[in-house]
C-alpha atoms as a PDB file:
ATOM      1  CA  MET A   1      48.631  49.827 167.862  1.00  0.00           C
ATOM      2  CA  ASN A   2      45.608  52.557 166.405  1.00  0.00           C
ATOM      3  CA  SER A   3      43.211  53.102 168.902  1.00  0.00           C
ATOM      4  CA  PRO A   4      39.378  52.445 168.255  1.00  0.00           C
ATOM      5  CA  PRO A   5      37.725  55.828 166.737  1.00  0.00           C
ATOM      6  CA  PRO A   6      36.553  57.762 169.715  1.00  0.00           C
ATOM      7  CA  PRO A   7      32.493  56.932 169.783  1.00  0.00           C
ATOM      8  CA  LEU A   8      30.167  58.727 168.040  1.00  0.00           C
ATOM      9  CA  LEU A   9      28.135  62.141 169.708  1.00  0.00           C
ATOM     10  CA  ASP A  10      24.719  61.641 171.181  1.00  0.00           C
ATOM     11  CA  LEU A  11      22.961  64.446 168.958  1.00  0.00           C
ATOM     12  CA  LYS A  12      19.896  63.169 169.844  1.00  0.00           C
ATOM     13  CA  PRO A  13      16.799  64.607 169.470  1.00  0.00           C
ATOM     14  CA  TYR A  14      18.762  66.838 166.965  1.00  0.00           C
ATOM     15  CA  PHE A  15      19.576  63.902 164.739  1.00  0.00           C
ATOM     16  CA  LEU A  16      17.747  60.790 164.377  1.00  0.00           C
ATOM     17  CA  THR A  17      16.997  57.932 162.232  1.00  0.00           C
ATOM     18  CA  LEU A  18      14.259  56.412 160.017  1.00  0.00           C
ATOM     19  CA  ASN A  19      14.388  53.843 162.414  1.00  0.00           C
ATOM     20  CA  ASP A  20      14.730  55.543 165.272  1.00  0.00           C
ATOM     21  CA  LEU A  21      10.479  56.751 164.089  1.00  0.00           C
ATOM     22  CA  SER A  22       7.235  55.170 163.861  1.00  0.00           C
ATOM     23  CA  ALA A  23       4.689  56.575 161.034  1.00  0.00           C
ATOM     24  CA  PRO A  24       2.583  58.266 161.376  1.00  0.00           C
ATOM     25  CA  LEU A  25       5.127  60.880 162.482  1.00  0.00           C
ATOM     26  CA  ASP A  26       2.774  63.263 165.424  1.00  0.00           C
ATOM     27  CA  TRP A  27       4.435  66.527 164.861  1.00  0.00           C
ATOM     28  CA  PRO A  28       2.772  68.881 167.985  1.00  0.00           C
ATOM     29  CA  ALA A  29       4.607  65.370 170.049  1.00  0.00           C
ATOM     30  CA  PHE A  30       7.478  66.109 167.543  1.00  0.00           C
ATOM     31  CA  PHE A  31       8.617  68.902 167.951  1.00  0.00           C
ATOM     32  CA  GLY A  32       6.036  70.565 171.042  1.00  0.00           C
ATOM     33  CA  ASN A  33       4.089  73.113 169.726  1.00  0.00           C
ATOM     34  CA  GLU A  34       1.632  73.534 166.877  1.00  0.00           C
ATOM     35  CA  ASN A  35       3.771  75.271 164.635  1.00  0.00           C
ATOM     36  CA  PRO A  36       4.026  74.563 161.129  1.00  0.00           C
ATOM     37  CA  VAL A  37       6.555  72.648 159.587  1.00  0.00           C
ATOM     38  CA  GLU A  38       8.953  72.694 156.322  1.00  0.00           C
ATOM     39  CA  LEU A  39      10.416  69.897 155.184  1.00  0.00           C
ATOM     40  CA  ASP A  40      14.391  70.239 153.967  1.00  0.00           C
ATOM     41  CA  VAL A  41      15.366  67.576 151.774  1.00  0.00           C
ATOM     42  CA  GLY A  42      18.536  66.637 151.156  1.00  0.00           C
ATOM     43  CA  CYS A  43      19.554  69.718 153.837  1.00  0.00           C
ATOM     44  CA  GLY A  44      23.847  68.200 153.681  1.00  0.00           C
ATOM     45  CA  ARG A  45      25.477  70.659 156.177  1.00  0.00           C
ATOM     46  CA  GLY A  46      22.411  72.348 157.529  1.00  0.00           C
ATOM     47  CA  LEU A  47      23.483  76.438 156.614  1.00  0.00           C
ATOM     48  CA  PHE A  48      19.138  76.365 154.871  1.00  0.00           C
ATOM     49  CA  LEU A  49      17.940  74.813 157.950  1.00  0.00           C
ATOM     50  CA  PHE A  50      20.379  76.546 160.761  1.00  0.00           C
ATOM     51  CA  THR A  51      19.255  79.666 159.231  1.00  0.00           C
ATOM     52  CA  ALA A  52      15.613  79.627 159.255  1.00  0.00           C
ATOM     53  CA  SER A  53      15.177  77.722 161.747  1.00  0.00           C
ATOM     54  CA  THR A  54      17.122  81.120 163.295  1.00  0.00           C
ATOM     55  CA  SER A  55      14.794  83.611 161.318  1.00  0.00           C
ATOM     56  CA  ASN A  56      11.883  81.811 161.901  1.00  0.00           C
ATOM     57  CA  PRO A  57      11.789  80.112 165.351  1.00  0.00           C
ATOM     58  CA  ALA A  58       7.248  80.400 164.403  1.00  0.00           C
ATOM     59  CA  VAL A  59       8.323  77.531 162.333  1.00  0.00           C
ATOM     60  CA  ASN A  60       9.714  74.367 162.785  1.00  0.00           C
ATOM     61  CA  TYR A  61      12.190  72.380 160.176  1.00  0.00           C
ATOM     62  CA  LEU A  62      12.893  69.402 159.395  1.00  0.00           C
ATOM     63  CA  GLY A  63      16.125  67.892 157.628  1.00  0.00           C
ATOM     64  CA  LEU A  64      15.985  64.795 155.237  1.00  0.00           C
ATOM     65  CA  GLU A  65      19.934  63.462 154.676  1.00  0.00           C
ATOM     66  CA  LEU A  66      20.688  60.836 152.708  1.00  0.00           C
ATOM     67  CA  ASP A  67      24.550  60.652 154.116  1.00  0.00           C
ATOM     68  CA  TYR A  68      24.635  60.457 157.563  1.00  0.00           C
ATOM     69  CA  HIS A  69      27.779  62.471 158.358  1.00  0.00           C
ATOM     70  CA  GLU A  70      26.425  64.710 156.027  1.00  0.00           C
ATOM     71  CA  GLY A  71      23.190  65.186 158.130  1.00  0.00           C
ATOM     72  CA  ARG A  72      25.132  64.751 161.303  1.00  0.00           C
ATOM     73  CA  ARG A  73      27.207  67.468 160.713  1.00  0.00           C
ATOM     74  CA  ALA A  74      24.314  69.524 160.284  1.00  0.00           C
ATOM     75  CA  ALA A  75      22.552  68.640 163.329  1.00  0.00           C
ATOM     76  CA  LYS A  76      25.274  69.442 165.515  1.00  0.00           C
ATOM     77  CA  ARG A  77      24.927  72.986 164.472  1.00  0.00           C
ATOM     78  CA  LEU A  78      21.458  72.714 165.839  1.00  0.00           C
ATOM     79  CA  TRP A  79      22.628  71.119 169.385  1.00  0.00           C
ATOM     80  CA  LYS A  80      25.455  73.456 169.910  1.00  0.00           C
ATOM     81  CA  ARG A  81      22.400  76.136 169.923  1.00  0.00           C
ATOM     82  CA  GLU A  82      19.873  73.559 171.223  1.00  0.00           C
ATOM     83  CA  GLN A  83      17.892  75.601 168.452  1.00  0.00           C
ATOM     84  CA  PRO A  84      14.227  74.397 169.471  1.00  0.00           C
ATOM     85  CA  ASN A  85      12.625  73.868 166.689  1.00  0.00           C
ATOM     86  CA  ALA A  86      15.135  72.230 163.474  1.00  0.00           C
ATOM     87  CA  ARG A  87      16.168  68.515 163.993  1.00  0.00           C
ATOM     88  CA  VAL A  88      17.511  65.990 161.290  1.00  0.00           C
ATOM     89  CA  LEU A  89      16.647  62.891 160.606  1.00  0.00           C
ATOM     90  CA  GLY A  90      18.965  60.472 158.790  1.00  0.00           C
ATOM     91  CA  GLY A  91      17.462  58.117 155.708  1.00  0.00           C
ATOM     92  CA  ASP A  92      15.828  58.011 152.091  1.00  0.00           C
ATOM     93  CA  ALA A  93      13.578  60.984 152.167  1.00  0.00           C
ATOM     94  CA  ARG A  94      11.546  58.523 149.829  1.00  0.00           C
ATOM     95  CA  ILE A  95      10.833  56.623 152.312  1.00  0.00           C
ATOM     96  CA  ALA A  96      10.519  59.589 155.027  1.00  0.00           C
ATOM     97  CA  LEU A  97       7.767  61.129 153.002  1.00  0.00           C
ATOM     98  CA  ALA A  98       5.704  57.390 152.120  1.00  0.00           C
ATOM     99  CA  LYS A  99       5.793  55.911 155.349  1.00  0.00           C
ATOM    100  CA  LEU A 100       6.589  58.496 157.696  1.00  0.00           C
ATOM    101  CA  ILE A 101       4.965  61.404 157.182  1.00  0.00           C
ATOM    102  CA  THR A 102       1.370  62.176 157.692  1.00  0.00           C
ATOM    103  CA  PRO A 103      -0.469  63.403 154.157  1.00  0.00           C
ATOM    104  CA  GLN A 104      -1.249  67.059 154.235  1.00  0.00           C
ATOM    105  CA  SER A 105       0.757  67.975 157.310  1.00  0.00           C
ATOM    106  CA  VAL A 106       3.360  69.995 155.266  1.00  0.00           C
ATOM    107  CA  ALA A 107       3.762  73.465 154.641  1.00  0.00           C
ATOM    108  CA  ALA A 108       6.306  73.878 152.667  1.00  0.00           C
ATOM    109  CA  VAL A 109       9.048  71.350 150.522  1.00  0.00           C
ATOM    110  CA  HIS A 110      12.325  72.879 150.079  1.00  0.00           C
ATOM    111  CA  VAL A 111      14.771  71.204 147.463  1.00  0.00           C
ATOM    112  CA  TYR A 112      17.763  73.167 146.831  1.00  0.00           C
ATOM    113  CA  PHE A 113      21.043  71.510 144.811  1.00  0.00           C
ATOM    114  CA  PRO A 114      19.905  67.995 144.031  1.00  0.00           C
ATOM    115  CA  ASP A 115      22.339  65.940 143.044  1.00  0.00           C
ATOM    116  CA  PRO A 116      22.565  65.963 139.407  1.00  0.00           C
ATOM    117  CA  TRP A 117      24.290  62.436 139.169  1.00  0.00           C
ATOM    118  CA  TRP A 118      26.142  63.356 136.107  1.00  0.00           C
ATOM    119  CA  LYS A 119      26.998  59.893 134.128  1.00  0.00           C
ATOM    120  CA  ARG A 120      23.823  58.529 132.306  1.00  0.00           C
ATOM    121  CA  ARG A 121      24.356  55.425 134.260  1.00  0.00           C
ATOM    122  CA  HIS A 122      23.981  57.188 137.308  1.00  0.00           C
ATOM    123  CA  LYS A 123      20.446  59.449 136.301  1.00  0.00           C
ATOM    124  CA  ARG A 124      18.165  57.148 137.316  1.00  0.00           C
ATOM    125  CA  ARG A 125      19.542  57.871 140.977  1.00  0.00           C
ATOM    126  CA  ARG A 126      18.486  61.442 140.660  1.00  0.00           C
ATOM    127  CA  LEU A 127      15.538  62.556 142.710  1.00  0.00           C
ATOM    128  CA  PHE A 128      13.378  63.700 141.027  1.00  0.00           C
ATOM    129  CA  THR A 129      11.074  61.669 139.219  1.00  0.00           C
ATOM    130  CA  ASP A 130       7.321  61.240 138.989  1.00  0.00           C
ATOM    131  CA  GLU A 131       7.346  59.121 142.461  1.00  0.00           C
ATOM    132  CA  PHE A 132       8.536  62.031 144.039  1.00  0.00           C
ATOM    133  CA  VAL A 133       6.949  65.109 143.373  1.00  0.00           C
ATOM    134  CA  ASP A 134       4.292  62.448 144.062  1.00  0.00           C
ATOM    135  CA  LEU A 135       5.180  62.198 147.586  1.00  0.00           C
ATOM    136  CA  ALA A 136       5.861  66.018 147.235  1.00  0.00           C
ATOM    137  CA  ALA A 137       2.070  66.287 146.633  1.00  0.00           C
ATOM    138  CA  ARG A 138       0.657  63.993 149.151  1.00  0.00           C
ATOM    139  CA  VAL A 139       2.187  65.749 152.401  1.00  0.00           C
ATOM    140  CA  LEU A 140       1.821  69.442 151.306  1.00  0.00           C
ATOM    141  CA  GLN A 141      -1.069  70.351 152.746  1.00  0.00           C
ATOM    142  CA  ARG A 142      -2.722  72.942 150.027  1.00  0.00           C
ATOM    143  CA  GLY A 143      -1.675  76.253 149.735  1.00  0.00           C
ATOM    144  CA  GLY A 144       1.954  74.637 150.723  1.00  0.00           C
ATOM    145  CA  LEU A 145       5.001  75.418 149.365  1.00  0.00           C
ATOM    146  CA  PHE A 146       7.729  73.825 146.524  1.00  0.00           C
ATOM    147  CA  HIS A 147      10.807  75.572 146.169  1.00  0.00           C
ATOM    148  CA  SER A 148      13.813  73.735 143.573  1.00  0.00           C
ATOM    149  CA  TRP A 149      16.990  75.288 142.679  1.00  0.00           C
ATOM    150  CA  THR A 150      20.051  73.851 140.978  1.00  0.00           C
ATOM    151  CA  ASP A 151      23.098  75.220 138.764  1.00  0.00           C
ATOM    152  CA  VAL A 152      22.360  72.456 136.575  1.00  0.00           C
ATOM    153  CA  GLU A 153      20.533  74.109 133.598  1.00  0.00           C
ATOM    154  CA  GLU A 154      19.524  70.580 132.442  1.00  0.00           C
ATOM    155  CA  TYR A 155      18.627  68.652 135.739  1.00  0.00           C
ATOM    156  CA  PHE A 156      16.355  72.312 136.289  1.00  0.00           C
ATOM    157  CA  GLY A 157      14.632  71.771 133.106  1.00  0.00           C
ATOM    158  CA  VAL A 158      14.138  68.017 134.418  1.00  0.00           C
ATOM    159  CA  ILE A 159      12.625  69.736 137.724  1.00  0.00           C
ATOM    160  CA  ARG A 160      10.599  72.010 136.233  1.00  0.00           C
ATOM    161  CA  ALA A 161       8.719  69.726 133.394  1.00  0.00           C
ATOM    162  CA  LEU A 162       7.893  68.099 136.214  1.00  0.00           C
ATOM    163  CA  MET A 163       6.432  70.592 138.614  1.00  0.00           C
ATOM    164  CA  ASP A 164       5.081  72.361 136.038  1.00  0.00           C
ATOM    165  CA  HIS A 165       2.834  69.482 134.567  1.00  0.00           C
ATOM    166  CA  HIS A 166       1.662  67.826 137.481  1.00  0.00           C
ATOM    167  CA  PRO A 167      -1.745  68.370 138.448  1.00  0.00           C
ATOM    168  CA  ALA A 168      -1.644  68.645 142.497  1.00  0.00           C
ATOM    169  CA  PHE A 169       1.088  71.997 141.678  1.00  0.00           C
ATOM    170  CA  GLN A 170       0.327  75.391 140.142  1.00  0.00           C
ATOM    171  CA  LYS A 171       3.777  76.954 138.665  1.00  0.00           C
ATOM    172  CA  LEU A 172       4.619  80.784 141.051  1.00  0.00           C
ATOM    173  CA  PRO A 173       7.277  83.453 139.850  1.00  0.00           C
ATOM    174  CA  PRO A 174      10.487  82.495 140.268  1.00  0.00           C
ATOM    175  CA  PRO A 175      12.157  84.564 143.212  1.00  0.00           C
ATOM    176  CA  GLU A 176      14.891  86.307 142.284  1.00  0.00           C
ATOM    177  CA  GLU A 177      18.639  86.950 143.227  1.00  0.00           C
ATOM    178  CA  ILE A 178      19.448  88.747 145.700  1.00  0.00           C
ATOM    179  CA  ARG A 179      23.043  90.295 146.512  1.00  0.00           C
ATOM    180  CA  PRO A 180      23.980  88.162 149.990  1.00  0.00           C
ATOM    181  CA  ALA A 181      24.736  90.753 152.874  1.00  0.00           C
ATOM    182  CA  HIS A 182      27.414  88.393 154.111  1.00  0.00           C
ATOM    183  CA  ASP A 183      28.773  85.379 153.504  1.00  0.00           C
ATOM    184  CA  LEU A 184      26.577  83.529 155.883  1.00  0.00           C
ATOM    185  CA  ASP A 185      23.623  85.293 153.801  1.00  0.00           C
ATOM    186  CA  TYR A 186      23.376  82.223 150.832  1.00  0.00           C
ATOM    187  CA  ARG A 187      20.363  79.487 150.852  1.00  0.00           C
ATOM    188  CA  THR A 188      23.046  76.959 151.079  1.00  0.00           C
ATOM    189  CA  SER A 189      26.791  76.652 151.195  1.00  0.00           C
ATOM    190  CA  PHE A 190      26.530  74.300 148.417  1.00  0.00           C
ATOM    191  CA  GLU A 191      24.643  78.154 146.648  1.00  0.00           C
ATOM    192  CA  ARG A 192      27.753  80.480 148.136  1.00  0.00           C
ATOM    193  CA  LYS A 193      30.485  78.259 146.146  1.00  0.00           C
ATOM    194  CA  LYS A 194      28.364  78.581 142.514  1.00  0.00           C
ATOM    195  CA  ARG A 195      27.805  82.419 142.657  1.00  0.00           C
ATOM    196  CA  GLN A 196      31.293  82.781 143.529  1.00  0.00           C
ATOM    197  CA  LEU A 197      32.033  81.477 141.084  1.00  0.00           C
ATOM    198  CA  GLY A 198      30.204  82.629 138.873  1.00  0.00           C
ATOM    199  CA  ALA A 199      27.401  79.493 137.779  1.00  0.00           C
ATOM    200  CA  THR A 200      23.907  80.615 137.244  1.00  0.00           C
ATOM    201  CA  ILE A 201      20.969  79.280 139.731  1.00  0.00           C
ATOM    202  CA  SER A 202      17.883  78.002 138.485  1.00  0.00           C
ATOM    203  CA  ARG A 203      15.007  78.510 141.150  1.00  0.00           C
ATOM    204  CA  GLY A 204      12.509  77.183 140.944  1.00  0.00           C
ATOM    205  CA  LEU A 205       8.345  77.638 142.980  1.00  0.00           C
ATOM    206  CA  TRP A 206       5.336  76.171 142.899  1.00  0.00           C
ATOM    207  CA  LYS A 207       2.081  75.967 145.317  1.00  0.00           C
ATOM    208  CA  LYS A 208      -0.282  73.269 145.819  1.00  0.00           C
ATOM    209  CA  MET A 209      -3.520  73.304 144.677  1.00  0.00           C
END
């Protein structure tokens, strides 16, 4: 007879779900300080979340991840380090942006390598829609930055069209590709994989007007 699986490690406060929080989210109470907050939408295993929060201790980072398994992996890295300025929130980012996060309370939004949903019948599941860009504009402060990278040229065309033509955003020059200093010196683990295979990465940067 198979033994039951071990109970899940309690990763609070590094991993929370939408059901654990009530709106509106109070950033100073949530992080325990008045520092600016940046969102990592679709944080996956959390390489960007971990490295950014380590490099920038005066900035708070919240990763949003629909896949609880991946989100918990990201949160475990933070839990092991007792990282004070980073958390992971499990759930639909669009719900968090629409119902949980106070308008104009976020300094930056990062979206790296969103799932392209290759099959035509699945493309409606893509993150980037008019609704999502509206929600990002809602939570960003004036002058806040929106970053998005992808290795899928066709999808970047969609992202660029949505962002370039949205009245709340101004297009800025994209960041240049930088040679990594070591194996963890990539924006995400997916970027590392793709660049090591020689893939071209498209990078976009926009400012909230």
